[in-house]
Amino acid sequence: MKLTMGEKIRILLKRKNVTIIELSKRLGTTNQNMANKFKRDNFSMKELEAIAEALDCDFESYFIDKNGEKF
């Protein structure tokens, strides 16, 4: 079963012991806005990079060709 991006972020939040409210504060957005993002599982690449930075993580996003090449 493949996890949604929201589920992955929730797992990371739990591991980092950070609440969604705290994440919202770190990102300078409202808790309501963040809750909506999780509800719709709608995160832009820029937001994912900001979340990674707020949680002191790296975020990598790429395609992997059948020959193993990353794009």
N, C-alpha and C. Protein backbone atom coordinates (compact mmCIF):
# COMPACT_ATOMS: atom_id res chain seq x y z
N MET A 1 0.84 -1.19 0.00
CA MET A 1 0.00 0.00 0.00
C MET A 1 0.89 1.25 0.00
N LYS A 2 0.60 2.15 -0.91
CA LYS A 2 1.39 3.37 -1.02
C LYS A 2 0.80 4.45 -0.12
N LEU A 3 1.67 5.12 0.63
CA LEU A 3 1.24 6.19 1.53
C LEU A 3 1.05 7.49 0.75
N THR A 4 0.06 8.27 1.16
CA THR A 4 -0.11 9.61 0.58
C THR A 4 0.97 10.51 1.16
N MET A 5 1.17 11.66 0.53
CA MET A 5 2.17 12.60 1.04
C MET A 5 1.78 13.07 2.44
N GLY A 6 0.49 13.31 2.66
CA GLY A 6 0.02 13.72 3.98
C GLY A 6 0.34 12.68 5.05
N GLU A 7 0.16 11.41 4.70
CA GLU A 7 0.48 10.34 5.65
C GLU A 7 1.97 10.30 5.95
N LYS A 8 2.77 10.50 4.93
CA LYS A 8 4.23 10.52 5.13
C LYS A 8 4.63 11.67 6.04
N ILE A 9 4.02 12.83 5.84
CA ILE A 9 4.34 13.99 6.67
C ILE A 9 3.90 13.73 8.11
N ARG A 10 2.72 13.14 8.28
CA ARG A 10 2.24 12.82 9.65
C ARG A 10 3.20 11.87 10.37
N ILE A 11 3.71 10.88 9.66
CA ILE A 11 4.68 9.95 10.26
C ILE A 11 5.93 10.71 10.68
N LEU A 12 6.41 11.58 9.80
CA LEU A 12 7.59 12.38 10.11
C LEU A 12 7.34 13.30 11.31
N LEU A 13 6.16 13.92 11.35
CA LEU A 13 5.81 14.78 12.49
C LEU A 13 5.85 13.99 13.79
N LYS A 14 5.29 12.79 13.77
CA LYS A 14 5.27 11.95 14.98
C LYS A 14 6.70 11.60 15.40
N ARG A 15 7.52 11.25 14.44
CA ARG A 15 8.91 10.89 14.75
C ARG A 15 9.70 12.08 15.29
N LYS A 16 9.36 13.27 14.80
CA LYS A 16 10.05 14.49 15.23
C LYS A 16 9.39 15.11 16.46
N ASN A 17 8.26 14.50 16.92
CA ASN A 17 7.51 15.00 18.07
C ASN A 17 7.05 16.45 17.85
N VAL A 18 6.50 16.71 16.66
CA VAL A 18 6.01 18.03 16.28
C VAL A 18 4.53 17.89 15.91
N THR A 19 3.71 18.79 16.42
CA THR A 19 2.29 18.78 16.08
C THR A 19 2.05 19.55 14.78
N ILE A 20 0.88 19.35 14.21
CA ILE A 20 0.51 20.11 13.02
C ILE A 20 0.42 21.59 13.36
N ILE A 21 -0.03 21.90 14.57
CA ILE A 21 -0.10 23.30 15.02
C ILE A 21 1.30 23.91 15.04
N GLU A 22 2.26 23.18 15.58
CA GLU A 22 3.64 23.66 15.62
C GLU A 22 4.20 23.81 14.22
N LEU A 23 3.92 22.85 13.36
CA LEU A 23 4.39 22.94 11.97
C LEU A 23 3.80 24.18 11.30
N SER A 24 2.53 24.45 11.53
CA SER A 24 1.88 25.64 10.96
C SER A 24 2.60 26.91 11.40
N LYS A 25 2.95 26.97 12.68
CA LYS A 25 3.66 28.14 13.20
C LYS A 25 5.02 28.29 12.53
N ARG A 26 5.72 27.19 12.39
CA ARG A 26 7.05 27.22 11.77
C ARG A 26 6.98 27.68 10.31
N LEU A 27 5.86 27.35 9.65
CA LEU A 27 5.70 27.72 8.25
C LEU A 27 5.05 29.08 8.06
N GLY A 28 4.60 29.69 9.16
CA GLY A 28 3.97 31.00 9.08
C GLY A 28 2.59 30.96 8.44
N THR A 29 1.88 29.86 8.64
CA THR A 29 0.53 29.72 8.10
C THR A 29 -0.43 29.37 9.22
N THR A 30 -1.71 29.34 8.91
CA THR A 30 -2.70 29.03 9.94
C THR A 30 -2.87 27.53 10.08
N ASN A 31 -3.31 27.14 11.25
CA ASN A 31 -3.60 25.73 11.50
C ASN A 31 -4.70 25.25 10.55
N GLN A 32 -5.68 26.10 10.29
CA GLN A 32 -6.78 25.75 9.39
C GLN A 32 -6.26 25.48 7.97
N ASN A 33 -5.38 26.33 7.50
CA ASN A 33 -4.81 26.13 6.17
C ASN A 33 -4.04 24.81 6.10
N MET A 34 -3.27 24.54 7.12
CA MET A 34 -2.49 23.31 7.14
C MET A 34 -3.42 22.09 7.21
N ALA A 35 -4.45 22.17 8.03
CA ALA A 35 -5.42 21.07 8.14
C ALA A 35 -6.07 20.80 6.79
N ASN A 36 -6.39 21.86 6.05
CA ASN A 36 -6.98 21.70 4.72
C ASN A 36 -6.01 21.03 3.76
N LYS A 37 -4.74 21.38 3.86
CA LYS A 37 -3.73 20.76 3.01
C LYS A 37 -3.68 19.24 3.25
N PHE A 38 -3.72 18.86 4.54
CA PHE A 38 -3.70 17.44 4.88
C PHE A 38 -4.98 16.76 4.42
N LYS A 39 -6.10 17.42 4.60
CA LYS A 39 -7.40 16.84 4.22
C LYS A 39 -7.46 16.55 2.72
N ARG A 40 -6.96 17.49 1.93
CA ARG A 40 -7.00 17.34 0.46
C ARG A 40 -5.75 16.64 -0.08
N ASP A 41 -4.75 16.44 0.79
CA ASP A 41 -3.45 15.90 0.39
C ASP A 41 -2.92 16.70 -0.79
N ASN A 42 -2.88 18.01 -0.59
CA ASN A 42 -2.54 18.95 -1.66
C ASN A 42 -1.36 19.82 -1.23
N PHE A 43 -0.17 19.37 -1.57
CA PHE A 43 1.05 20.09 -1.21
C PHE A 43 1.84 20.40 -2.47
N SER A 44 2.22 21.66 -2.63
CA SER A 44 3.07 22.02 -3.77
C SER A 44 4.51 21.61 -3.46
N MET A 45 5.32 21.57 -4.49
CA MET A 45 6.73 21.23 -4.31
C MET A 45 7.39 22.23 -3.36
N LYS A 46 7.06 23.50 -3.52
CA LYS A 46 7.62 24.55 -2.66
C LYS A 46 7.22 24.32 -1.20
N GLU A 47 5.97 23.93 -0.97
CA GLU A 47 5.50 23.66 0.40
C GLU A 47 6.20 22.45 0.99
N LEU A 48 6.40 21.41 0.19
CA LEU A 48 7.10 20.22 0.68
C LEU A 48 8.54 20.55 1.07
N GLU A 49 9.18 21.40 0.29
CA GLU A 49 10.54 21.82 0.61
C GLU A 49 10.56 22.64 1.90
N ALA A 50 9.55 23.50 2.09
CA ALA A 50 9.46 24.30 3.31
C ALA A 50 9.19 23.42 4.52
N ILE A 51 8.34 22.41 4.35
CA ILE A 51 8.05 21.48 5.44
C ILE A 51 9.32 20.73 5.83
N ALA A 52 10.06 20.27 4.85
CA ALA A 52 11.32 19.57 5.12
C ALA A 52 12.27 20.47 5.90
N GLU A 53 12.40 21.71 5.48
CA GLU A 53 13.28 22.65 6.17
C GLU A 53 12.80 22.89 7.60
N ALA A 54 11.48 23.05 7.77
CA ALA A 54 10.91 23.29 9.11
C ALA A 54 11.13 22.10 10.04
N LEU A 55 11.25 20.91 9.46
CA LEU A 55 11.44 19.69 10.26
C LEU A 55 12.90 19.21 10.24
N ASP A 56 13.80 20.08 9.75
CA ASP A 56 15.23 19.77 9.70
C ASP A 56 15.50 18.47 8.95
N CYS A 57 14.89 18.38 7.76
CA CYS A 57 15.05 17.21 6.90
C CYS A 57 15.41 17.67 5.49
N ASP A 58 15.83 16.73 4.68
CA ASP A 58 16.01 16.97 3.26
C ASP A 58 14.79 16.40 2.54
N PHE A 59 14.38 17.04 1.45
CA PHE A 59 13.30 16.53 0.63
C PHE A 59 13.84 16.36 -0.78
N GLU A 60 13.71 15.15 -1.31
CA GLU A 60 14.16 14.87 -2.65
C GLU A 60 12.96 14.40 -3.46
N SER A 61 12.81 14.96 -4.62
CA SER A 61 11.72 14.56 -5.50
C SER A 61 12.28 14.40 -6.90
N TYR A 62 12.10 13.21 -7.47
CA TYR A 62 12.63 12.96 -8.78
C TYR A 62 11.94 11.76 -9.41
N PHE A 63 12.11 11.66 -10.71
CA PHE A 63 11.67 10.51 -11.46
C PHE A 63 12.87 9.59 -11.64
N ILE A 64 12.62 8.30 -11.66
CA ILE A 64 13.70 7.33 -11.90
C ILE A 64 13.33 6.56 -13.16
N ASP A 65 14.17 6.70 -14.18
CA ASP A 65 13.96 5.99 -15.43
C ASP A 65 14.21 4.49 -15.21
N LYS A 66 13.72 3.68 -16.12
CA LYS A 66 13.88 2.21 -16.02
C LYS A 66 15.34 1.80 -15.94
N ASN A 67 16.23 2.63 -16.48
CA ASN A 67 17.66 2.31 -16.42
C ASN A 67 18.30 2.81 -15.12
N GLY A 68 17.48 3.39 -14.22
CA GLY A 68 17.97 3.83 -12.93
C GLY A 68 18.38 5.29 -12.88
N GLU A 69 18.31 5.97 -14.02
CA GLU A 69 18.70 7.38 -14.07
C GLU A 69 17.64 8.25 -13.39
N LYS A 70 18.08 9.18 -12.55
CA LYS A 70 17.17 10.07 -11.83
C LYS A 70 17.02 11.39 -12.56
N PHE A 71 15.81 11.91 -12.56
CA PHE A 71 15.52 13.20 -13.18
C PHE A 71 14.82 14.10 -12.17
